[in-house]
Amino acid sequence: MLITVIIINILISCLCLYLARKIWRFTVMINRLEKRLILMERNTRFVLERAPNFIDYGQQGSDQLRQNYYQLQGQLQQLNQAIALVSFVVRFWSRRWPQRRSRF
Protein backbone atom coordinates (compact mmCIF):
# COMPACT_ATOMS: atom_id res chain seq x y z
CA MET A 1 0.00 0.00 0.00
CA LEU A 2 2.80 2.41 0.86
CA ILE A 3 4.53 1.65 -2.42
CA THR A 4 1.32 2.46 -4.32
CA VAL A 5 1.03 5.84 -2.60
CA ILE A 6 4.68 6.64 -3.32
CA ILE A 7 4.29 5.66 -7.00
CA ILE A 8 1.13 7.79 -7.29
CA ASN A 9 2.95 10.72 -5.63
CA ILE A 10 5.88 10.29 -8.03
CA LEU A 11 3.48 10.23 -11.00
CA ILE A 12 1.67 13.34 -9.72
CA SER A 13 5.04 15.05 -9.17
CA CYS A 14 6.17 14.17 -12.71
CA LEU A 15 2.89 15.48 -14.12
CA CYS A 16 3.24 18.71 -12.13
CA LEU A 17 6.87 19.07 -13.24
CA TYR A 18 5.84 18.52 -16.88
CA LEU A 19 3.06 21.12 -16.59
CA ALA A 20 5.39 23.59 -14.83
CA ARG A 21 7.96 23.19 -17.63
CA LYS A 22 5.28 23.70 -20.31
CA ILE A 23 3.98 26.80 -18.51
CA TRP A 24 7.52 28.17 -18.12
CA ARG A 25 8.25 27.64 -21.86
CA PHE A 26 4.93 29.28 -22.70
CA THR A 27 5.79 32.34 -20.58
CA VAL A 28 9.21 32.56 -22.27
CA MET A 29 7.51 32.48 -25.67
CA ILE A 30 5.00 35.15 -24.55
CA ASN A 31 7.85 37.37 -23.30
CA ARG A 32 9.67 37.05 -26.63
CA LEU A 33 6.48 37.89 -28.47
CA GLU A 34 5.94 40.88 -26.20
CA LYS A 35 9.45 42.17 -26.91
CA ARG A 36 8.91 41.81 -30.66
CA LEU A 37 5.58 43.59 -30.47
CA ILE A 38 7.11 46.43 -28.45
CA LEU A 39 9.92 46.76 -31.00
CA MET A 40 7.41 46.77 -33.86
CA GLU A 41 5.34 49.40 -32.07
CA ARG A 42 8.41 51.60 -31.51
CA ASN A 43 9.43 51.33 -35.14
CA THR A 44 5.89 52.06 -36.30
CA ARG A 45 5.65 55.06 -33.99
CA PHE A 46 9.05 56.29 -35.22
CA VAL A 47 7.84 56.17 -38.82
CA LEU A 48 4.37 57.55 -38.20
CA GLU A 49 5.57 60.44 -36.03
CA ARG A 50 7.63 61.73 -38.94
CA ALA A 51 5.03 60.96 -41.61
CA PRO A 52 3.20 64.33 -41.39
CA ASN A 53 6.47 66.18 -41.96
CA PHE A 54 7.27 64.06 -45.02
CA ILE A 55 3.74 64.48 -46.34
CA ASP A 56 3.94 68.26 -45.91
CA TYR A 57 7.34 68.30 -47.59
CA GLY A 58 6.00 66.26 -50.49
CA GLN A 59 2.97 68.52 -50.85
CA GLN A 60 5.20 71.59 -50.91
CA GLY A 61 7.32 69.98 -53.62
CA SER A 62 4.21 69.09 -55.61
CA ASP A 63 2.88 72.63 -55.29
CA GLN A 64 6.19 74.04 -56.49
CA LEU A 65 6.28 71.64 -59.43
CA ARG A 66 2.72 72.58 -60.32
CA GLN A 67 3.59 76.29 -60.24
CA ASN A 68 6.66 75.69 -62.40
CA TYR A 69 4.56 73.65 -64.81
CA TYR A 70 1.97 76.43 -65.17
CA GLN A 71 4.71 79.01 -65.60
CA LEU A 72 6.40 76.91 -68.29
CA GLN A 73 3.05 76.32 -69.93
CA GLY A 74 2.52 80.09 -70.16
CA GLN A 75 6.01 80.58 -71.55
CA LEU A 76 5.38 77.83 -74.11
CA GLN A 77 2.19 79.57 -75.20
CA GLN A 78 4.06 82.86 -75.58
CA LEU A 79 6.80 81.09 -77.57
CA ASN A 80 4.22 79.49 -79.86
CA GLN A 81 2.63 82.90 -80.42
CA ALA A 82 6.03 84.42 -81.21
CA ILE A 83 6.85 81.62 -83.65
CA ALA A 84 3.45 82.02 -85.31
CA LEU A 85 4.05 85.78 -85.60
CA VAL A 86 7.52 85.28 -87.11
CA SER A 87 6.12 82.69 -89.51
CA PHE A 88 3.37 85.10 -90.53
CA VAL A 89 5.87 87.93 -91.08
CA VAL A 90 8.14 85.67 -93.16
CA ARG A 91 5.23 84.54 -95.35
CA PHE A 92 4.00 88.11 -95.71
CA TRP A 93 7.50 89.38 -96.51
CA SER A 94 8.12 86.69 -99.13
CA ARG A 95 4.82 87.44 -100.89
CA ARG A 96 5.19 91.17 -100.73
CA TRP A 97 8.83 91.42 -101.80
CA PRO A 98 9.97 88.39 -103.75
CA GLN A 99 13.70 87.75 -103.70
CA ARG A 100 15.65 88.91 -106.68
CA ARG A 101 18.18 86.57 -108.05
CA SER A 102 21.64 87.83 -108.54
CA ARG A 103 23.08 87.61 -112.05
CA PHE A 104 26.51 86.35 -111.12
PDB file of N, CA and C in Angstrom:
ATOM      1  N   MET A   1       0.809  -1.171   0.000  1.00  0.00           N
ATOM      2  CA  MET A   1       0.000   0.000   0.000  1.00  0.00           C
ATOM      3  C   MET A   1       0.872   1.264   0.000  1.00  0.00           C
ATOM      4  N   LEU A   2       1.892   1.267   0.793  1.00  0.00           N
ATOM      5  CA  LEU A   2       2.800   2.405   0.865  1.00  0.00           C
ATOM      6  C   LEU A   2       3.492   2.611  -0.474  1.00  0.00           C
ATOM      7  N   ILE A   3       3.860   1.547  -1.121  1.00  0.00           N
ATOM      8  CA  ILE A   3       4.527   1.646  -2.421  1.00  0.00           C
ATOM      9  C   ILE A   3       3.569   2.239  -3.448  1.00  0.00           C
ATOM     10  N   THR A   4       2.317   1.916  -3.399  1.00  0.00           N
ATOM     11  CA  THR A   4       1.322   2.457  -4.321  1.00  0.00           C
ATOM     12  C   THR A   4       1.184   3.960  -4.115  1.00  0.00           C
ATOM     13  N   VAL A   5       1.140   4.409  -2.888  1.00  0.00           N
ATOM     14  CA  VAL A   5       1.026   5.845  -2.596  1.00  0.00           C
ATOM     15  C   VAL A   5       2.275   6.572  -3.082  1.00  0.00           C
ATOM     16  N   ILE A   6       3.438   6.009  -2.877  1.00  0.00           N
ATOM     17  CA  ILE A   6       4.685   6.637  -3.324  1.00  0.00           C
ATOM     18  C   ILE A   6       4.715   6.722  -4.848  1.00  0.00           C
ATOM     19  N   ILE A   7       4.307   5.653  -5.525  1.00  0.00           N
ATOM     20  CA  ILE A   7       4.285   5.662  -6.996  1.00  0.00           C
ATOM     21  C   ILE A   7       3.295   6.705  -7.501  1.00  0.00           C
ATOM     22  N   ILE A   8       2.126   6.778  -6.892  1.00  0.00           N
ATOM     23  CA  ILE A   8       1.130   7.787  -7.288  1.00  0.00           C
ATOM     24  C   ILE A   8       1.682   9.194  -7.039  1.00  0.00           C
ATOM     25  N   ASN A   9       2.342   9.408  -5.918  1.00  0.00           N
ATOM     26  CA  ASN A   9       2.947  10.719  -5.627  1.00  0.00           C
ATOM     27  C   ASN A   9       4.038  11.057  -6.649  1.00  0.00           C
ATOM     28  N   ILE A  10       4.830  10.060  -7.025  1.00  0.00           N
ATOM     29  CA  ILE A  10       5.882  10.291  -8.029  1.00  0.00           C
ATOM     30  C   ILE A  10       5.233  10.648  -9.375  1.00  0.00           C
ATOM     31  N   LEU A  11       4.171   9.939  -9.749  1.00  0.00           N
ATOM     32  CA  LEU A  11       3.479  10.232 -11.000  1.00  0.00           C
ATOM     33  C   LEU A  11       2.857  11.638 -10.973  1.00  0.00           C
ATOM     34  N   ILE A  12       2.244  11.992  -9.860  1.00  0.00           N
ATOM     35  CA  ILE A  12       1.665  13.335  -9.724  1.00  0.00           C
ATOM     36  C   ILE A  12       2.772  14.385  -9.783  1.00  0.00           C
ATOM     37  N   SER A  13       3.912  14.125  -9.135  1.00  0.00           N
ATOM     38  CA  SER A  13       5.037  15.049  -9.165  1.00  0.00           C
ATOM     39  C   SER A  13       5.583  15.201 -10.586  1.00  0.00           C
ATOM     40  N   CYS A  14       5.683  14.108 -11.309  1.00  0.00           N
ATOM     41  CA  CYS A  14       6.167  14.165 -12.706  1.00  0.00           C
ATOM     42  C   CYS A  14       5.187  14.960 -13.569  1.00  0.00           C
ATOM     43  N   LEU A  15       3.899  14.742 -13.370  1.00  0.00           N
ATOM     44  CA  LEU A  15       2.892  15.477 -14.120  1.00  0.00           C
ATOM     45  C   LEU A  15       2.968  16.969 -13.794  1.00  0.00           C
ATOM     46  N   CYS A  16       3.114  17.294 -12.527  1.00  0.00           N
ATOM     47  CA  CYS A  16       3.239  18.706 -12.132  1.00  0.00           C
ATOM     48  C   CYS A  16       4.515  19.317 -12.688  1.00  0.00           C
ATOM     49  N   LEU A  17       5.615  18.588 -12.682  1.00  0.00           N
ATOM     50  CA  LEU A  17       6.875  19.067 -13.242  1.00  0.00           C
ATOM     51  C   LEU A  17       6.730  19.295 -14.746  1.00  0.00           C
ATOM     52  N   TYR A  18       6.063  18.379 -15.447  1.00  0.00           N
ATOM     53  CA  TYR A  18       5.840  18.516 -16.875  1.00  0.00           C
ATOM     54  C   TYR A  18       4.997  19.769 -17.160  1.00  0.00           C
ATOM     55  N   LEU A  19       3.918  19.942 -16.408  1.00  0.00           N
ATOM     56  CA  LEU A  19       3.062  21.118 -16.592  1.00  0.00           C
ATOM     57  C   LEU A  19       3.805  22.412 -16.259  1.00  0.00           C
ATOM     58  N   ALA A  20       4.626  22.397 -15.209  1.00  0.00           N
ATOM     59  CA  ALA A  20       5.391  23.586 -14.834  1.00  0.00           C
ATOM     60  C   ALA A  20       6.378  23.944 -15.945  1.00  0.00           C
ATOM     61  N   ARG A  21       7.021  22.931 -16.532  1.00  0.00           N
ATOM     62  CA  ARG A  21       7.956  23.185 -17.631  1.00  0.00           C
ATOM     63  C   ARG A  21       7.231  23.748 -18.841  1.00  0.00           C
ATOM     64  N   LYS A  22       6.060  23.191 -19.185  1.00  0.00           N
ATOM     65  CA  LYS A  22       5.277  23.704 -20.308  1.00  0.00           C
ATOM     66  C   LYS A  22       4.844  25.153 -20.056  1.00  0.00           C
ATOM     67  N   ILE A  23       4.413  25.438 -18.855  1.00  0.00           N
ATOM     68  CA  ILE A  23       3.984  26.804 -18.511  1.00  0.00           C
ATOM     69  C   ILE A  23       5.172  27.755 -18.577  1.00  0.00           C
ATOM     70  N   TRP A  24       6.323  27.323 -18.076  1.00  0.00           N
ATOM     71  CA  TRP A  24       7.523  28.167 -18.115  1.00  0.00           C
ATOM     72  C   TRP A  24       7.918  28.455 -19.562  1.00  0.00           C
ATOM     73  N   ARG A  25       7.913  27.428 -20.437  1.00  0.00           N
ATOM     74  CA  ARG A  25       8.246  27.638 -21.856  1.00  0.00           C
ATOM     75  C   ARG A  25       7.230  28.563 -22.530  1.00  0.00           C
ATOM     76  N   PHE A  26       5.967  28.418 -22.149  1.00  0.00           N
ATOM     77  CA  PHE A  26       4.927  29.276 -22.700  1.00  0.00           C
ATOM     78  C   PHE A  26       5.155  30.737 -22.288  1.00  0.00           C
ATOM     79  N   THR A  27       5.529  30.959 -21.021  1.00  0.00           N
ATOM     80  CA  THR A  27       5.790  32.340 -20.582  1.00  0.00           C
ATOM     81  C   THR A  27       7.016  32.920 -21.283  1.00  0.00           C
ATOM     82  N   VAL A  28       8.032  32.101 -21.532  1.00  0.00           N
ATOM     83  CA  VAL A  28       9.211  32.562 -22.268  1.00  0.00           C
ATOM     84  C   VAL A  28       8.800  32.978 -23.684  1.00  0.00           C
ATOM     85  N   MET A  29       7.966  32.166 -24.325  1.00  0.00           N
ATOM     86  CA  MET A  29       7.507  32.484 -25.669  1.00  0.00           C
ATOM     87  C   MET A  29       6.668  33.774 -25.668  1.00  0.00           C
ATOM     88  N   ILE A  30       5.816  33.927 -24.667  1.00  0.00           N
ATOM     89  CA  ILE A  30       4.996  35.146 -24.553  1.00  0.00           C
ATOM     90  C   ILE A  30       5.895  36.366 -24.345  1.00  0.00           C
ATOM     91  N   ASN A  31       6.928  36.250 -23.530  1.00  0.00           N
ATOM     92  CA  ASN A  31       7.849  37.366 -23.297  1.00  0.00           C
ATOM     93  C   ASN A  31       8.577  37.757 -24.576  1.00  0.00           C
ATOM     94  N   ARG A  32       9.020  36.752 -25.346  1.00  0.00           N
ATOM     95  CA  ARG A  32       9.669  37.053 -26.633  1.00  0.00           C
ATOM     96  C   ARG A  32       8.703  37.759 -27.579  1.00  0.00           C
ATOM     97  N   LEU A  33       7.493  37.266 -27.627  1.00  0.00           N
ATOM     98  CA  LEU A  33       6.477  37.891 -28.470  1.00  0.00           C
ATOM     99  C   LEU A  33       6.206  39.326 -28.032  1.00  0.00           C
ATOM    100  N   GLU A  34       6.158  39.533 -26.725  1.00  0.00           N
ATOM    101  CA  GLU A  34       5.939  40.884 -26.197  1.00  0.00           C
ATOM    102  C   GLU A  34       7.074  41.823 -26.617  1.00  0.00           C
ATOM    103  N   LYS A  35       8.308  41.342 -26.511  1.00  0.00           N
ATOM    104  CA  LYS A  35       9.451  42.171 -26.910  1.00  0.00           C
ATOM    105  C   LYS A  35       9.395  42.510 -28.386  1.00  0.00           C
ATOM    106  N   ARG A  36       9.033  41.540 -29.227  1.00  0.00           N
ATOM    107  CA  ARG A  36       8.915  41.809 -30.662  1.00  0.00           C
ATOM    108  C   ARG A  36       7.811  42.823 -30.949  1.00  0.00           C
ATOM    109  N   LEU A  37       6.691  42.661 -30.260  1.00  0.00           N
ATOM    110  CA  LEU A  37       5.582  43.594 -30.470  1.00  0.00           C
ATOM    111  C   LEU A  37       5.954  45.009 -30.020  1.00  0.00           C
ATOM    112  N   ILE A  38       6.667  45.107 -28.926  1.00  0.00           N
ATOM    113  CA  ILE A  38       7.106  46.430 -28.446  1.00  0.00           C
ATOM    114  C   ILE A  38       8.065  47.046 -29.460  1.00  0.00           C
ATOM    115  N   LEU A  39       8.990  46.259 -29.989  1.00  0.00           N
ATOM    116  CA  LEU A  39       9.919  46.761 -30.996  1.00  0.00           C
ATOM    117  C   LEU A  39       9.180  47.203 -32.256  1.00  0.00           C
ATOM    118  N   MET A  40       8.210  46.400 -32.685  1.00  0.00           N
ATOM    119  CA  MET A  40       7.415  46.772 -33.860  1.00  0.00           C
ATOM    120  C   MET A  40       6.635  48.059 -33.603  1.00  0.00           C
ATOM    121  N   GLU A  41       6.097  48.196 -32.415  1.00  0.00           N
ATOM    122  CA  GLU A  41       5.345  49.401 -32.071  1.00  0.00           C
ATOM    123  C   GLU A  41       6.250  50.630 -32.055  1.00  0.00           C
ATOM    124  N   ARG A  42       7.449  50.487 -31.523  1.00  0.00           N
ATOM    125  CA  ARG A  42       8.408  51.600 -31.510  1.00  0.00           C
ATOM    126  C   ARG A  42       8.777  52.024 -32.930  1.00  0.00           C
ATOM    127  N   ASN A  43       9.068  51.022 -33.762  1.00  0.00           N
ATOM    128  CA  ASN A  43       9.426  51.327 -35.145  1.00  0.00           C
ATOM    129  C   ASN A  43       8.264  51.986 -35.884  1.00  0.00           C
ATOM    130  N   THR A  44       7.069  51.481 -35.659  1.00  0.00           N
ATOM    131  CA  THR A  44       5.890  52.061 -36.297  1.00  0.00           C
ATOM    132  C   THR A  44       5.674  53.484 -35.815  1.00  0.00           C
ATOM    133  N   ARG A  45       5.811  53.712 -34.524  1.00  0.00           N
ATOM    134  CA  ARG A  45       5.648  55.064 -33.989  1.00  0.00           C
ATOM    135  C   ARG A  45       6.721  55.991 -34.552  1.00  0.00           C
ATOM    136  N   PHE A  46       7.951  55.489 -34.662  1.00  0.00           N
ATOM    137  CA  PHE A  46       9.051  56.291 -35.216  1.00  0.00           C
ATOM    138  C   PHE A  46       8.719  56.739 -36.636  1.00  0.00           C
ATOM    139  N   VAL A  47       8.187  55.823 -37.439  1.00  0.00           N
ATOM    140  CA  VAL A  47       7.842  56.166 -38.820  1.00  0.00           C
ATOM    141  C   VAL A  47       6.642  57.102 -38.858  1.00  0.00           C
ATOM    142  N   LEU A  48       5.612  56.777 -38.113  1.00  0.00           N
ATOM    143  CA  LEU A  48       4.372  57.549 -38.195  1.00  0.00           C
ATOM    144  C   LEU A  48       4.496  58.937 -37.566  1.00  0.00           C
ATOM    145  N   GLU A  49       5.385  59.109 -36.602  1.00  0.00           N
ATOM    146  CA  GLU A  49       5.574  60.441 -36.025  1.00  0.00           C
ATOM    147  C   GLU A  49       6.169  61.397 -37.041  1.00  0.00           C
ATOM    148  N   ARG A  50       6.989  60.881 -37.939  1.00  0.00           N
ATOM    149  CA  ARG A  50       7.635  61.727 -38.943  1.00  0.00           C
ATOM    150  C   ARG A  50       6.834  61.808 -40.241  1.00  0.00           C
ATOM    151  N   ALA A  51       5.811  60.996 -40.377  1.00  0.00           N
ATOM    152  CA  ALA A  51       5.035  60.964 -41.614  1.00  0.00           C
ATOM    153  C   ALA A  51       4.409  62.310 -41.961  1.00  0.00           C
ATOM    154  N   PRO A  52       3.795  63.038 -41.014  1.00  0.00           N
ATOM    155  CA  PRO A  52       3.201  64.330 -41.390  1.00  0.00           C
ATOM    156  C   PRO A  52       4.226  65.301 -41.967  1.00  0.00           C
ATOM    157  N   ASN A  53       5.433  65.291 -41.428  1.00  0.00           N
ATOM    158  CA  ASN A  53       6.475  66.181 -41.964  1.00  0.00           C
ATOM    159  C   ASN A  53       6.818  65.804 -43.400  1.00  0.00           C
ATOM    160  N   PHE A  54       6.948  64.500 -43.666  1.00  0.00           N
ATOM    161  CA  PHE A  54       7.270  64.059 -45.016  1.00  0.00           C
ATOM    162  C   PHE A  54       6.119  64.350 -45.974  1.00  0.00           C
ATOM    163  N   ILE A  55       4.901  64.193 -45.494  1.00  0.00           N
ATOM    164  CA  ILE A  55       3.740  64.481 -46.338  1.00  0.00           C
ATOM    165  C   ILE A  55       3.696  65.962 -46.665  1.00  0.00           C
ATOM    166  N   ASP A  56       3.910  66.811 -45.666  1.00  0.00           N
ATOM    167  CA  ASP A  56       3.939  68.257 -45.911  1.00  0.00           C
ATOM    168  C   ASP A  56       5.052  68.625 -46.888  1.00  0.00           C
ATOM    169  N   TYR A  57       6.213  68.029 -46.706  1.00  0.00           N
ATOM    170  CA  TYR A  57       7.345  68.305 -47.591  1.00  0.00           C
ATOM    171  C   TYR A  57       7.009  67.887 -49.026  1.00  0.00           C
ATOM    172  N   GLY A  58       6.395  66.732 -49.166  1.00  0.00           N
ATOM    173  CA  GLY A  58       5.999  66.259 -50.489  1.00  0.00           C
ATOM    174  C   GLY A  58       4.948  67.150 -51.124  1.00  0.00           C
ATOM    175  N   GLN A  59       3.998  67.632 -50.316  1.00  0.00           N
ATOM    176  CA  GLN A  59       2.971  68.522 -50.849  1.00  0.00           C
ATOM    177  C   GLN A  59       3.578  69.852 -51.283  1.00  0.00           C
ATOM    178  N   GLN A  60       4.533  70.348 -50.522  1.00  0.00           N
ATOM    179  CA  GLN A  60       5.196  71.595 -50.915  1.00  0.00           C
ATOM    180  C   GLN A  60       5.942  71.402 -52.234  1.00  0.00           C
ATOM    181  N   GLY A  61       6.619  70.274 -52.368  1.00  0.00           N
ATOM    182  CA  GLY A  61       7.319  69.984 -53.617  1.00  0.00           C
ATOM    183  C   GLY A  61       6.350  69.862 -54.783  1.00  0.00           C
ATOM    184  N   SER A  62       5.212  69.218 -54.552  1.00  0.00           N
ATOM    185  CA  SER A  62       4.209  69.086 -55.610  1.00  0.00           C
ATOM    186  C   SER A  62       3.647  70.450 -55.993  1.00  0.00           C
ATOM    187  N   ASP A  63       3.384  71.286 -55.005  1.00  0.00           N
ATOM    188  CA  ASP A  63       2.883  72.631 -55.293  1.00  0.00           C
ATOM    189  C   ASP A  63       3.890  73.423 -56.120  1.00  0.00           C
ATOM    190  N   GLN A  64       5.154  73.317 -55.748  1.00  0.00           N
ATOM    191  CA  GLN A  64       6.191  74.040 -56.488  1.00  0.00           C
ATOM    192  C   GLN A  64       6.296  73.519 -57.921  1.00  0.00           C
ATOM    193  N   LEU A  65       6.239  72.208 -58.085  1.00  0.00           N
ATOM    194  CA  LEU A  65       6.279  71.640 -59.433  1.00  0.00           C
ATOM    195  C   LEU A  65       5.078  72.089 -60.259  1.00  0.00           C
ATOM    196  N   ARG A  66       3.920  72.134 -59.620  1.00  0.00           N
ATOM    197  CA  ARG A  66       2.718  72.581 -60.316  1.00  0.00           C
ATOM    198  C   ARG A  66       2.863  74.035 -60.758  1.00  0.00           C
ATOM    199  N   GLN A  67       3.384  74.880 -59.878  1.00  0.00           N
ATOM    200  CA  GLN A  67       3.588  76.286 -60.236  1.00  0.00           C
ATOM    201  C   GLN A  67       4.585  76.414 -61.385  1.00  0.00           C
ATOM    202  N   ASN A  68       5.673  75.663 -61.315  1.00  0.00           N
ATOM    203  CA  ASN A  68       6.662  75.686 -62.401  1.00  0.00           C
ATOM    204  C   ASN A  68       6.045  75.207 -63.709  1.00  0.00           C
ATOM    205  N   TYR A  69       5.206  74.180 -63.618  1.00  0.00           N
ATOM    206  CA  TYR A  69       4.559  73.651 -64.812  1.00  0.00           C
ATOM    207  C   TYR A  69       3.665  74.708 -65.442  1.00  0.00           C
ATOM    208  N   TYR A  70       2.857  75.396 -64.630  1.00  0.00           N
ATOM    209  CA  TYR A  70       1.972  76.433 -65.172  1.00  0.00           C
ATOM    210  C   TYR A  70       2.776  77.593 -65.752  1.00  0.00           C
ATOM    211  N   GLN A  71       3.859  77.934 -65.099  1.00  0.00           N
ATOM    212  CA  GLN A  71       4.711  79.010 -65.602  1.00  0.00           C
ATOM    213  C   GLN A  71       5.323  78.610 -66.950  1.00  0.00           C
ATOM    214  N   LEU A  72       5.824  77.390 -67.037  1.00  0.00           N
ATOM    215  CA  LEU A  72       6.403  76.915 -68.294  1.00  0.00           C
ATOM    216  C   LEU A  72       5.336  76.785 -69.380  1.00  0.00           C
ATOM    217  N   GLN A  73       4.138  76.418 -68.968  1.00  0.00           N
ATOM    218  CA  GLN A  73       3.051  76.319 -69.935  1.00  0.00           C
ATOM    219  C   GLN A  73       2.737  77.700 -70.521  1.00  0.00           C
ATOM    220  N   GLY A  74       2.721  78.720 -69.676  1.00  0.00           N
ATOM    221  CA  GLY A  74       2.517  80.087 -70.159  1.00  0.00           C
ATOM    222  C   GLY A  74       3.635  80.538 -71.081  1.00  0.00           C
ATOM    223  N   GLN A  75       4.872  80.223 -70.707  1.00  0.00           N
ATOM    224  CA  GLN A  75       6.007  80.582 -71.548  1.00  0.00           C
ATOM    225  C   GLN A  75       5.950  79.852 -72.883  1.00  0.00           C
ATOM    226  N   LEU A  76       5.517  78.585 -72.871  1.00  0.00           N
ATOM    227  CA  LEU A  76       5.383  77.830 -74.111  1.00  0.00           C
ATOM    228  C   LEU A  76       4.319  78.463 -75.010  1.00  0.00           C
ATOM    229  N   GLN A  77       3.239  78.907 -74.424  1.00  0.00           N
ATOM    230  CA  GLN A  77       2.191  79.567 -75.200  1.00  0.00           C
ATOM    231  C   GLN A  77       2.724  80.860 -75.818  1.00  0.00           C
ATOM    232  N   GLN A  78       3.466  81.631 -75.051  1.00  0.00           N
ATOM    233  CA  GLN A  78       4.058  82.860 -75.583  1.00  0.00           C
ATOM    234  C   GLN A  78       5.040  82.549 -76.707  1.00  0.00           C
ATOM    235  N   LEU A  79       5.842  81.489 -76.535  1.00  0.00           N
ATOM    236  CA  LEU A  79       6.801  81.087 -77.566  1.00  0.00           C
ATOM    237  C   LEU A  79       6.074  80.659 -78.834  1.00  0.00           C
ATOM    238  N   ASN A  80       5.005  79.906 -78.696  1.00  0.00           N
ATOM    239  CA  ASN A  80       4.223  79.494 -79.864  1.00  0.00           C
ATOM    240  C   ASN A  80       3.630  80.703 -80.583  1.00  0.00           C
ATOM    241  N   GLN A  81       3.162  81.678 -79.806  1.00  0.00           N
ATOM    242  CA  GLN A  81       2.631  82.900 -80.418  1.00  0.00           C
ATOM    243  C   GLN A  81       3.734  83.652 -81.149  1.00  0.00           C
ATOM    244  N   ALA A  82       4.912  83.726 -80.568  1.00  0.00           N
ATOM    245  CA  ALA A  82       6.032  84.424 -81.207  1.00  0.00           C
ATOM    246  C   ALA A  82       6.440  83.707 -82.487  1.00  0.00           C
ATOM    247  N   ILE A  83       6.493  82.388 -82.449  1.00  0.00           N
ATOM    248  CA  ILE A  83       6.845  81.618 -83.649  1.00  0.00           C
ATOM    249  C   ILE A  83       5.791  81.809 -84.730  1.00  0.00           C
ATOM    250  N   ALA A  84       4.527  81.798 -84.341  1.00  0.00           N
ATOM    251  CA  ALA A  84       3.455  82.023 -85.313  1.00  0.00           C
ATOM    252  C   ALA A  84       3.572  83.416 -85.922  1.00  0.00           C
ATOM    253  N   LEU A  85       3.901  84.419 -85.104  1.00  0.00           N
ATOM    254  CA  LEU A  85       4.051  85.784 -85.598  1.00  0.00           C
ATOM    255  C   LEU A  85       5.229  85.879 -86.576  1.00  0.00           C
ATOM    256  N   VAL A  86       6.354  85.265 -86.230  1.00  0.00           N
ATOM    257  CA  VAL A  86       7.521  85.281 -87.111  1.00  0.00           C
ATOM    258  C   VAL A  86       7.191  84.548 -88.410  1.00  0.00           C
ATOM    259  N   SER A  87       6.503  83.435 -88.316  1.00  0.00           N
ATOM    260  CA  SER A  87       6.115  82.686 -89.510  1.00  0.00           C
ATOM    261  C   SER A  87       5.201  83.529 -90.399  1.00  0.00           C
ATOM    262  N   PHE A  88       4.269  84.228 -89.769  1.00  0.00           N
ATOM    263  CA  PHE A  88       3.372  85.099 -90.534  1.00  0.00           C
ATOM    264  C   PHE A  88       4.150  86.209 -91.223  1.00  0.00           C
ATOM    265  N   VAL A  89       5.081  86.841 -90.510  1.00  0.00           N
ATOM    266  CA  VAL A  89       5.872  87.931 -91.080  1.00  0.00           C
ATOM    267  C   VAL A  89       6.727  87.413 -92.238  1.00  0.00           C
ATOM    268  N   VAL A  90       7.310  86.235 -92.090  1.00  0.00           N
ATOM    269  CA  VAL A  90       8.144  85.667 -93.157  1.00  0.00           C
ATOM    270  C   VAL A  90       7.291  85.397 -94.384  1.00  0.00           C
ATOM    271  N   ARG A  91       6.109  84.811 -94.210  1.00  0.00           N
ATOM    272  CA  ARG A  91       5.230  84.543 -95.349  1.00  0.00           C
ATOM    273  C   ARG A  91       4.797  85.856 -96.011  1.00  0.00           C
ATOM    274  N   PHE A  92       4.430  86.813 -95.178  1.00  0.00           N
ATOM    275  CA  PHE A  92       3.995  88.112 -95.706  1.00  0.00           C
ATOM    276  C   PHE A  92       5.137  88.782 -96.456  1.00  0.00           C
ATOM    277  N   TRP A  93       6.328  88.742 -95.901  1.00  0.00           N
ATOM    278  CA  TRP A  93       7.499  89.380 -96.515  1.00  0.00           C
ATOM    279  C   TRP A  93       7.824  88.717 -97.848  1.00  0.00           C
ATOM    280  N   SER A  94       7.762  87.388 -97.895  1.00  0.00           N
ATOM    281  CA  SER A  94       8.119  86.689 -99.127  1.00  0.00           C
ATOM    282  C   SER A  94       7.076  86.924-100.215  1.00  0.00           C
ATOM    283  N   ARG A  95       5.843  87.133 -99.890  1.00  0.00           N
ATOM    284  CA  ARG A  95       4.820  87.439-100.894  1.00  0.00           C
ATOM    285  C   ARG A  95       4.912  88.882-101.359  1.00  0.00           C
ATOM    286  N   ARG A  96       5.193  89.739-100.426  1.00  0.00           N
ATOM    287  CA  ARG A  96       5.191  91.168-100.726  1.00  0.00           C
ATOM    288  C   ARG A  96       6.421  91.564-101.543  1.00  0.00           C
ATOM    289  N   TRP A  97       7.576  91.097-101.126  1.00  0.00           N
ATOM    290  CA  TRP A  97       8.833  91.421-101.802  1.00  0.00           C
ATOM    291  C   TRP A  97       9.540  90.134-102.185  1.00  0.00           C
ATOM    292  N   PRO A  98       9.281  89.618-103.347  1.00  0.00           N
ATOM    293  CA  PRO A  98       9.969  88.387-103.749  1.00  0.00           C
ATOM    294  C   PRO A  98      11.464  88.627-103.878  1.00  0.00           C
ATOM    295  N   GLN A  99      12.240  87.603-103.624  1.00  0.00           N
ATOM    296  CA  GLN A  99      13.696  87.748-103.704  1.00  0.00           C
ATOM    297  C   GLN A  99      14.136  87.874-105.150  1.00  0.00           C
ATOM    298  N   ARG A 100      15.088  88.743-105.347  1.00  0.00           N
ATOM    299  CA  ARG A 100      15.647  88.907-106.680  1.00  0.00           C
ATOM    300  C   ARG A 100      16.904  88.064-106.785  1.00  0.00           C
ATOM    301  N   ARG A 101      17.007  87.418-107.865  1.00  0.00           N
ATOM    302  CA  ARG A 101      18.184  86.567-108.048  1.00  0.00           C
ATOM    303  C   ARG A 101      19.323  87.393-108.598  1.00  0.00           C
ATOM    304  N   SER A 102      20.475  87.101-108.052  1.00  0.00           N
ATOM    305  CA  SER A 102      21.645  87.830-108.542  1.00  0.00           C
ATOM    306  C   SER A 102      22.085  87.240-109.869  1.00  0.00           C
ATOM    307  N   ARG A 103      22.716  88.033-110.695  1.00  0.00           N
ATOM    308  CA  ARG A 103      23.085  87.610-112.046  1.00  0.00           C
ATOM    309  C   ARG A 103      24.513  87.102-112.132  1.00  0.00           C
ATOM    310  N   PHE A 104      25.116  86.809-111.085  1.00  0.00           N
ATOM    311  CA  PHE A 104      26.512  86.353-111.120  1.00  0.00           C
ATOM    312  C   PHE A 104      26.602  84.941-111.523  1.00  0.00           C
TER     313      PHE A 104
END
